[in-house]
N, C-alpha and C. Protein backbone atom coordinates (compact mmCIF):
# COMPACT_ATOMS: atom_id res chain seq x y z
N MET A 1 95.52 89.39 83.64
CA MET A 1 94.04 89.83 83.57
C MET A 1 94.17 91.16 84.36
N PHE A 2 93.87 92.31 83.91
CA PHE A 2 93.27 93.28 84.74
C PHE A 2 92.05 94.18 84.23
N ASN A 3 91.62 95.34 84.88
CA ASN A 3 90.39 95.89 84.55
C ASN A 3 90.60 97.33 84.10
N PRO A 4 90.47 97.58 82.89
CA PRO A 4 90.93 98.96 82.27
C PRO A 4 90.01 100.12 83.07
N ALA A 5 88.81 99.84 83.52
CA ALA A 5 88.34 100.96 84.17
C ALA A 5 89.12 101.46 85.39
N PHE A 6 89.50 100.63 86.29
CA PHE A 6 90.45 100.97 87.33
C PHE A 6 91.83 101.62 86.99
N ILE A 7 92.26 100.85 86.04
CA ILE A 7 93.65 101.33 85.39
C ILE A 7 93.16 102.82 84.80
N PHE A 8 92.32 103.06 83.95
CA PHE A 8 92.03 104.23 83.59
C PHE A 8 91.90 105.62 84.81
N HIS A 9 91.37 105.20 85.88
CA HIS A 9 91.16 106.24 86.97
C HIS A 9 92.72 106.40 87.33
N ALA A 10 93.37 105.43 87.56
CA ALA A 10 94.73 105.82 88.17
C ALA A 10 95.58 106.62 87.09
N LEU A 11 95.38 106.23 85.78
CA LEU A 11 96.25 107.08 84.77
C LEU A 11 95.96 108.37 84.84
N LEU A 12 94.59 108.74 84.95
CA LEU A 12 94.10 109.83 84.94
C LEU A 12 94.25 110.96 86.40
N GLU A 13 94.43 110.19 87.40
CA GLU A 13 94.55 110.68 88.66
C GLU A 13 95.92 110.98 89.29
N VAL A 14 96.86 110.14 88.68
CA VAL A 14 98.26 110.31 89.13
C VAL A 14 98.83 111.56 88.68
N PRO A 15 98.56 112.16 87.65
CA PRO A 15 99.29 113.44 87.24
C PRO A 15 98.70 114.56 88.07
N ALA A 16 97.12 114.31 88.02
CA ALA A 16 96.56 115.39 88.85
C ALA A 16 96.99 115.48 90.68
N SER A 17 97.27 114.22 91.03
CA SER A 17 97.70 114.35 92.51
C SER A 17 98.86 114.81 92.66
N LEU A 18 99.57 114.51 91.68
CA LEU A 18 101.32 115.19 91.56
C LEU A 18 101.06 116.68 91.63
N ASN A 19 100.31 116.96 90.65
CA ASN A 19 100.44 118.30 90.12
C ASN A 19 99.49 119.24 91.69
N PHE A 20 98.85 118.52 92.17
CA PHE A 20 98.30 119.13 93.60
C PHE A 20 99.29 119.22 94.45
N PHE A 21 100.10 118.12 94.67
CA PHE A 21 101.07 118.00 95.73
C PHE A 21 102.26 119.10 95.40
N PHE A 22 102.92 119.28 94.41
CA PHE A 22 103.91 120.19 94.17
C PHE A 22 103.61 121.19 93.68
N ARG A 23 102.38 121.39 93.01
CA ARG A 23 101.96 123.11 92.47
C ARG A 23 100.80 123.68 93.37
N PRO A 24 100.87 123.42 94.61
CA PRO A 24 99.45 123.71 95.15
C PRO A 24 99.34 125.14 95.01
N ASN A 25 100.11 126.13 94.70
CA ASN A 25 99.83 127.61 94.51
C ASN A 25 98.91 127.75 93.01
N GLU A 26 99.13 126.77 92.29
CA GLU A 26 98.26 127.08 90.80
C GLU A 26 97.01 126.64 90.87
N GLN A 27 96.43 126.10 91.97
CA GLN A 27 95.26 125.46 92.27
C GLN A 27 93.86 126.58 92.35
N LEU A 28 94.28 127.29 93.02
CA LEU A 28 93.39 128.41 93.53
C LEU A 28 93.99 129.81 92.97
N SER A 29 93.04 130.71 92.58
CA SER A 29 93.41 132.08 91.89
C SER A 29 94.39 132.85 92.94
N SER A 30 94.04 132.93 94.15
CA SER A 30 94.80 133.50 94.91
C SER A 30 94.88 133.05 96.51
N ALA A 31 95.51 131.67 96.62
CA ALA A 31 95.46 130.91 97.84
C ALA A 31 96.48 131.38 98.74
N ALA A 32 95.78 131.50 99.92
CA ALA A 32 96.70 131.97 101.00
C ALA A 32 97.58 130.53 101.48
N PRO A 33 98.84 131.07 101.88
CA PRO A 33 99.96 130.04 102.27
C PRO A 33 99.17 128.77 103.00
N GLN A 34 98.42 129.17 103.89
CA GLN A 34 97.47 127.85 104.74
C GLN A 34 97.05 127.22 103.75
N ALA A 35 96.42 127.44 102.61
CA ALA A 35 95.84 126.65 101.68
C ALA A 35 96.40 125.63 101.24
N HIS A 36 97.84 125.58 101.05
CA HIS A 36 98.82 124.81 100.38
C HIS A 36 98.69 123.50 101.37
N ALA A 37 98.45 123.48 102.62
CA ALA A 37 98.52 122.36 103.20
C ALA A 37 97.34 121.35 103.06
N LEU A 38 96.05 122.26 102.56
CA LEU A 38 94.91 121.59 102.45
C LEU A 38 94.92 120.83 101.08
N ILE A 39 95.37 121.57 100.20
CA ILE A 39 95.54 121.13 98.64
C ILE A 39 96.59 119.83 98.73
N ARG A 40 97.51 119.96 99.30
CA ARG A 40 98.53 118.63 99.28
C ARG A 40 97.78 117.70 100.10
N GLN A 41 97.01 117.89 101.08
CA GLN A 41 96.25 116.81 101.74
C GLN A 41 95.38 116.39 101.03
N TYR A 42 94.62 116.89 99.97
CA TYR A 42 93.78 116.49 98.89
C TYR A 42 94.58 115.77 97.79
N ALA A 43 95.95 116.13 97.47
CA ALA A 43 96.55 115.28 96.73
C ALA A 43 96.83 113.99 97.30
N VAL A 44 97.37 113.80 98.37
CA VAL A 44 97.64 112.59 99.51
C VAL A 44 96.34 111.69 99.13
N LEU A 45 95.06 112.32 99.70
CA LEU A 45 93.74 111.55 99.66
C LEU A 45 93.75 110.87 97.94
N LEU A 46 93.99 111.86 97.02
CA LEU A 46 93.55 111.57 95.67
C LEU A 46 94.70 110.22 95.08
N MET A 47 95.84 110.44 95.47
CA MET A 47 96.69 109.16 95.45
C MET A 47 96.37 108.05 96.09
N SER A 48 95.71 108.13 97.13
CA SER A 48 95.11 106.94 97.88
C SER A 48 94.18 106.38 97.23
N SER A 49 93.42 107.14 96.65
CA SER A 49 92.53 106.41 95.58
C SER A 49 93.00 105.86 94.48
N ASN A 50 94.09 106.28 94.03
CA ASN A 50 94.79 105.59 92.79
C ASN A 50 95.56 104.09 93.53
N ILE A 51 95.77 104.13 94.67
CA ILE A 51 96.29 102.81 95.22
C ILE A 51 95.20 101.72 95.30
N VAL A 52 94.06 102.62 95.80
CA VAL A 52 93.02 101.31 95.84
C VAL A 52 92.57 101.05 94.45
N ALA A 53 92.48 101.81 93.54
CA ALA A 53 92.15 101.61 91.95
C ALA A 53 93.03 100.42 91.59
N LEU A 54 94.38 100.57 91.84
CA LEU A 54 95.33 99.72 91.26
C LEU A 54 95.12 98.27 92.25
N ILE A 55 94.95 98.38 93.25
CA ILE A 55 94.40 97.12 93.89
C ILE A 55 93.31 96.41 93.33
N PHE A 56 92.29 97.04 93.03
CA PHE A 56 91.29 96.57 92.50
C PHE A 56 91.39 96.28 90.91
N ALA A 57 92.32 96.73 90.27
CA ALA A 57 92.61 96.63 88.74
C ALA A 57 92.91 95.36 88.53
N PHE A 58 93.46 94.55 89.58
CA PHE A 58 94.54 93.17 89.11
C PHE A 58 93.81 92.12 90.01
N ARG A 59 92.45 92.38 90.64
CA ARG A 59 91.73 91.29 91.07
C ARG A 59 90.38 90.84 90.37
N PRO A 60 89.74 89.67 90.57
CA PRO A 60 88.71 89.63 89.50
C PRO A 60 87.65 90.17 90.35
N LEU A 61 86.83 90.52 89.13
CA LEU A 61 85.58 91.49 89.54
C LEU A 61 84.62 90.99 90.06
N ASP A 62 84.19 91.05 91.39
CA ASP A 62 83.26 90.61 92.30
C ASP A 62 82.19 91.82 92.78
N GLU A 63 81.45 91.65 93.48
CA GLU A 63 80.82 92.47 94.20
C GLU A 63 81.39 93.72 94.95
N THR A 64 82.57 93.47 95.57
CA THR A 64 83.09 94.56 96.16
C THR A 64 83.57 95.36 94.99
N SER A 65 84.52 95.01 94.08
CA SER A 65 85.15 95.77 93.15
C SER A 65 83.94 96.59 92.51
N ARG A 66 82.70 95.87 92.50
CA ARG A 66 81.46 96.74 91.83
C ARG A 66 81.35 98.00 92.57
N ARG A 67 81.37 97.89 93.96
CA ARG A 67 81.02 99.04 94.66
C ARG A 67 82.09 99.85 94.79
N VAL A 68 83.46 99.54 94.98
CA VAL A 68 84.54 100.54 94.97
C VAL A 68 84.45 101.24 93.60
N ALA A 69 84.09 100.38 92.39
CA ALA A 69 83.99 101.23 90.88
C ALA A 69 82.98 102.33 91.11
N GLY A 70 81.80 101.93 91.59
CA GLY A 70 80.63 103.02 91.90
C GLY A 70 81.22 104.13 92.69
N ALA A 71 81.99 104.02 93.84
CA ALA A 71 82.59 105.10 94.46
C ALA A 71 83.43 105.74 93.73
N LEU A 72 84.22 105.36 93.27
CA LEU A 72 85.48 106.19 92.27
C LEU A 72 84.62 106.78 91.18
N ALA A 73 83.60 106.38 90.43
CA ALA A 73 82.65 107.00 89.62
C ALA A 73 81.81 108.19 90.18
N VAL A 74 81.47 108.10 91.58
CA VAL A 74 80.91 109.25 92.03
C VAL A 74 81.93 110.43 92.24
N TYR A 75 83.22 110.11 92.80
CA TYR A 75 84.42 111.27 92.45
C TYR A 75 84.22 112.07 91.18
N HIS A 76 84.36 110.89 90.28
CA HIS A 76 84.54 111.61 88.91
C HIS A 76 83.46 112.74 88.35
N ALA A 77 82.41 112.50 89.23
CA ALA A 77 81.23 113.71 88.75
C ALA A 77 81.42 114.85 89.02
N ALA A 78 82.07 115.26 90.46
CA ALA A 78 82.57 116.82 90.74
C ALA A 78 83.47 117.45 89.71
N PRO A 79 84.76 116.67 89.46
CA PRO A 79 85.47 117.17 88.52
C PRO A 79 84.87 117.32 87.04
N LEU A 80 84.08 116.36 86.70
CA LEU A 80 83.26 116.66 85.44
C LEU A 80 82.33 117.87 85.41
N VAL A 81 81.75 118.10 86.46
CA VAL A 81 80.73 119.27 86.57
C VAL A 81 81.43 120.63 86.57
N ARG A 82 82.73 120.66 87.49
CA ARG A 82 83.42 121.65 87.19
C ARG A 82 84.12 122.12 85.96
N ALA A 83 84.43 121.13 85.36
CA ALA A 83 84.95 121.06 83.86
C ALA A 83 84.11 121.83 82.83
N VAL A 84 82.74 121.11 83.06
CA VAL A 84 81.74 121.81 82.13
C VAL A 84 81.50 123.30 82.13
N GLY A 85 81.07 123.42 83.63
CA GLY A 85 81.09 124.86 84.16
C GLY A 85 81.98 125.61 83.58
N ARG A 86 83.30 125.22 83.43
CA ARG A 86 84.64 126.09 83.09
C ARG A 86 84.37 126.18 81.40
N VAL A 87 83.89 125.10 80.82
CA VAL A 87 83.89 125.33 79.31
C VAL A 87 82.64 126.24 79.08
N ALA A 88 81.33 125.96 79.61
CA ALA A 88 80.15 126.73 79.30
C ALA A 88 80.48 128.22 79.77
N TYR A 89 81.00 128.62 80.79
CA TYR A 89 81.23 130.17 81.05
C TYR A 89 82.59 130.67 80.21
N GLN A 90 83.48 129.86 79.91
CA GLN A 90 84.76 130.28 79.29
C GLN A 90 85.66 131.00 80.04
N GLY A 91 85.52 130.45 81.45
CA GLY A 91 86.24 131.16 82.50
C GLY A 91 87.64 130.85 82.27
N GLU A 92 88.73 132.08 82.13
CA GLU A 92 89.94 132.27 82.27
C GLU A 92 90.29 131.66 83.51
N GLY A 93 90.51 132.57 84.49
CA GLY A 93 90.61 132.09 86.07
C GLY A 93 91.89 131.34 85.90
N TYR A 94 91.96 130.31 86.75
CA TYR A 94 93.01 129.39 87.41
C TYR A 94 92.73 128.18 87.08
N GLY A 95 93.82 127.27 87.15
CA GLY A 95 93.79 126.16 86.89
C GLY A 95 93.40 125.56 85.34
N LYS A 96 94.72 126.19 84.52
CA LYS A 96 94.71 125.78 83.07
C LYS A 96 95.31 124.54 82.90
N GLY A 97 96.29 124.11 83.77
CA GLY A 97 97.18 122.87 83.65
C GLY A 97 96.54 121.54 83.22
N LEU A 98 97.51 120.85 82.80
CA LEU A 98 96.84 119.33 82.23
C LEU A 98 95.75 119.32 81.41
N GLY A 99 95.76 120.01 80.62
CA GLY A 99 94.93 119.98 79.35
C GLY A 99 93.74 121.04 79.22
N GLY A 100 93.51 121.75 80.31
CA GLY A 100 92.34 122.54 80.24
C GLY A 100 90.93 121.88 80.55
N PRO A 101 90.08 122.86 80.48
CA PRO A 101 88.49 122.36 80.86
C PRO A 101 88.07 120.99 79.87
N TRP A 102 88.40 121.39 78.42
CA TRP A 102 87.69 120.44 77.62
C TRP A 102 88.15 119.02 77.65
N ALA A 103 89.62 118.88 78.20
CA ALA A 103 90.26 117.48 78.27
C ALA A 103 89.90 117.14 79.52
N HIS A 104 89.65 117.73 80.47
CA HIS A 104 89.18 117.31 81.78
C HIS A 104 87.56 116.70 81.77
N ALA A 105 86.87 117.63 81.08
CA ALA A 105 85.35 117.16 80.92
C ALA A 105 85.65 115.90 80.20
N VAL A 106 85.97 115.73 78.94
CA VAL A 106 86.23 114.20 78.16
C VAL A 106 86.65 113.09 79.18
N LEU A 107 87.56 113.48 79.57
CA LEU A 107 88.42 112.40 80.70
C LEU A 107 87.65 112.01 81.61
N HIS A 108 87.02 112.73 82.44
CA HIS A 108 86.19 112.40 83.57
C HIS A 108 85.07 111.93 83.31
N ALA A 109 84.61 112.27 82.10
CA ALA A 109 83.23 111.59 81.46
C ALA A 109 83.46 110.16 81.20
N GLY A 110 84.72 109.94 80.67
CA GLY A 110 85.12 108.51 80.37
C GLY A 110 85.53 107.78 81.58
N ALA A 111 85.89 108.41 82.58
CA ALA A 111 86.27 107.63 83.64
C ALA A 111 85.01 107.42 84.42
N LEU A 112 84.14 108.35 84.67
CA LEU A 112 82.52 107.92 85.22
C LEU A 112 81.84 107.01 84.55
N GLY A 113 81.95 107.29 83.12
CA GLY A 113 81.41 106.10 82.33
C GLY A 113 81.74 104.45 82.52
N ALA A 114 83.35 104.55 82.37
CA ALA A 114 84.05 103.16 82.66
C ALA A 114 83.54 102.71 83.96
N LEU A 115 83.75 103.38 85.10
CA LEU A 115 83.52 102.87 86.60
C LEU A 115 82.11 102.64 86.77
N GLY A 116 80.94 103.39 86.23
CA GLY A 116 79.91 103.52 86.48
C GLY A 116 79.32 101.97 85.70
N TRP A 117 80.05 101.80 84.61
CA TRP A 117 79.63 100.68 83.69
C TRP A 117 79.93 99.37 84.78
N LEU A 118 81.14 99.36 85.35
CA LEU A 118 81.53 98.11 86.33
C LEU A 118 80.12 98.23 87.36
N LEU A 119 80.04 99.26 87.92
CA LEU A 119 78.89 99.42 88.98
C LEU A 119 77.61 98.41 88.59
N VAL A 120 77.27 99.25 87.48
CA VAL A 120 75.95 98.49 86.99
C VAL A 120 75.98 96.86 86.34
N GLY A 121 77.19 96.56 86.23
CA GLY A 121 77.22 95.02 86.12
C GLY A 121 77.32 94.85 84.52
N TRP A 122 77.56 95.49 83.86
CA TRP A 122 77.73 95.33 82.19
C TRP A 122 78.89 94.79 81.61
């Protein structure tokens, strides 16, 4: 038995973390080379969240699992807000990879909802 909300987080964020790690220059419009190290560090942090999600995906749901789900849900709020902003302002700019702003908005809203659902215990 597994928990689909945690699996969803990992499936969503593994490609993102790999993209950040292997293509840091595509993440900012005019990134200085020093920024690449920070972007790669973020990629490793994101990959760590995937490992945590996969650990909790295969555990029984308990209070700790609910709290971890809540923490991961909070993470998804930021990329959701960013994606909605890009859709609203139709910004061309940077970061067009991995589906674009509509896909990001839908997927992060889904992850936020699924993980938030676990947090509140429904």
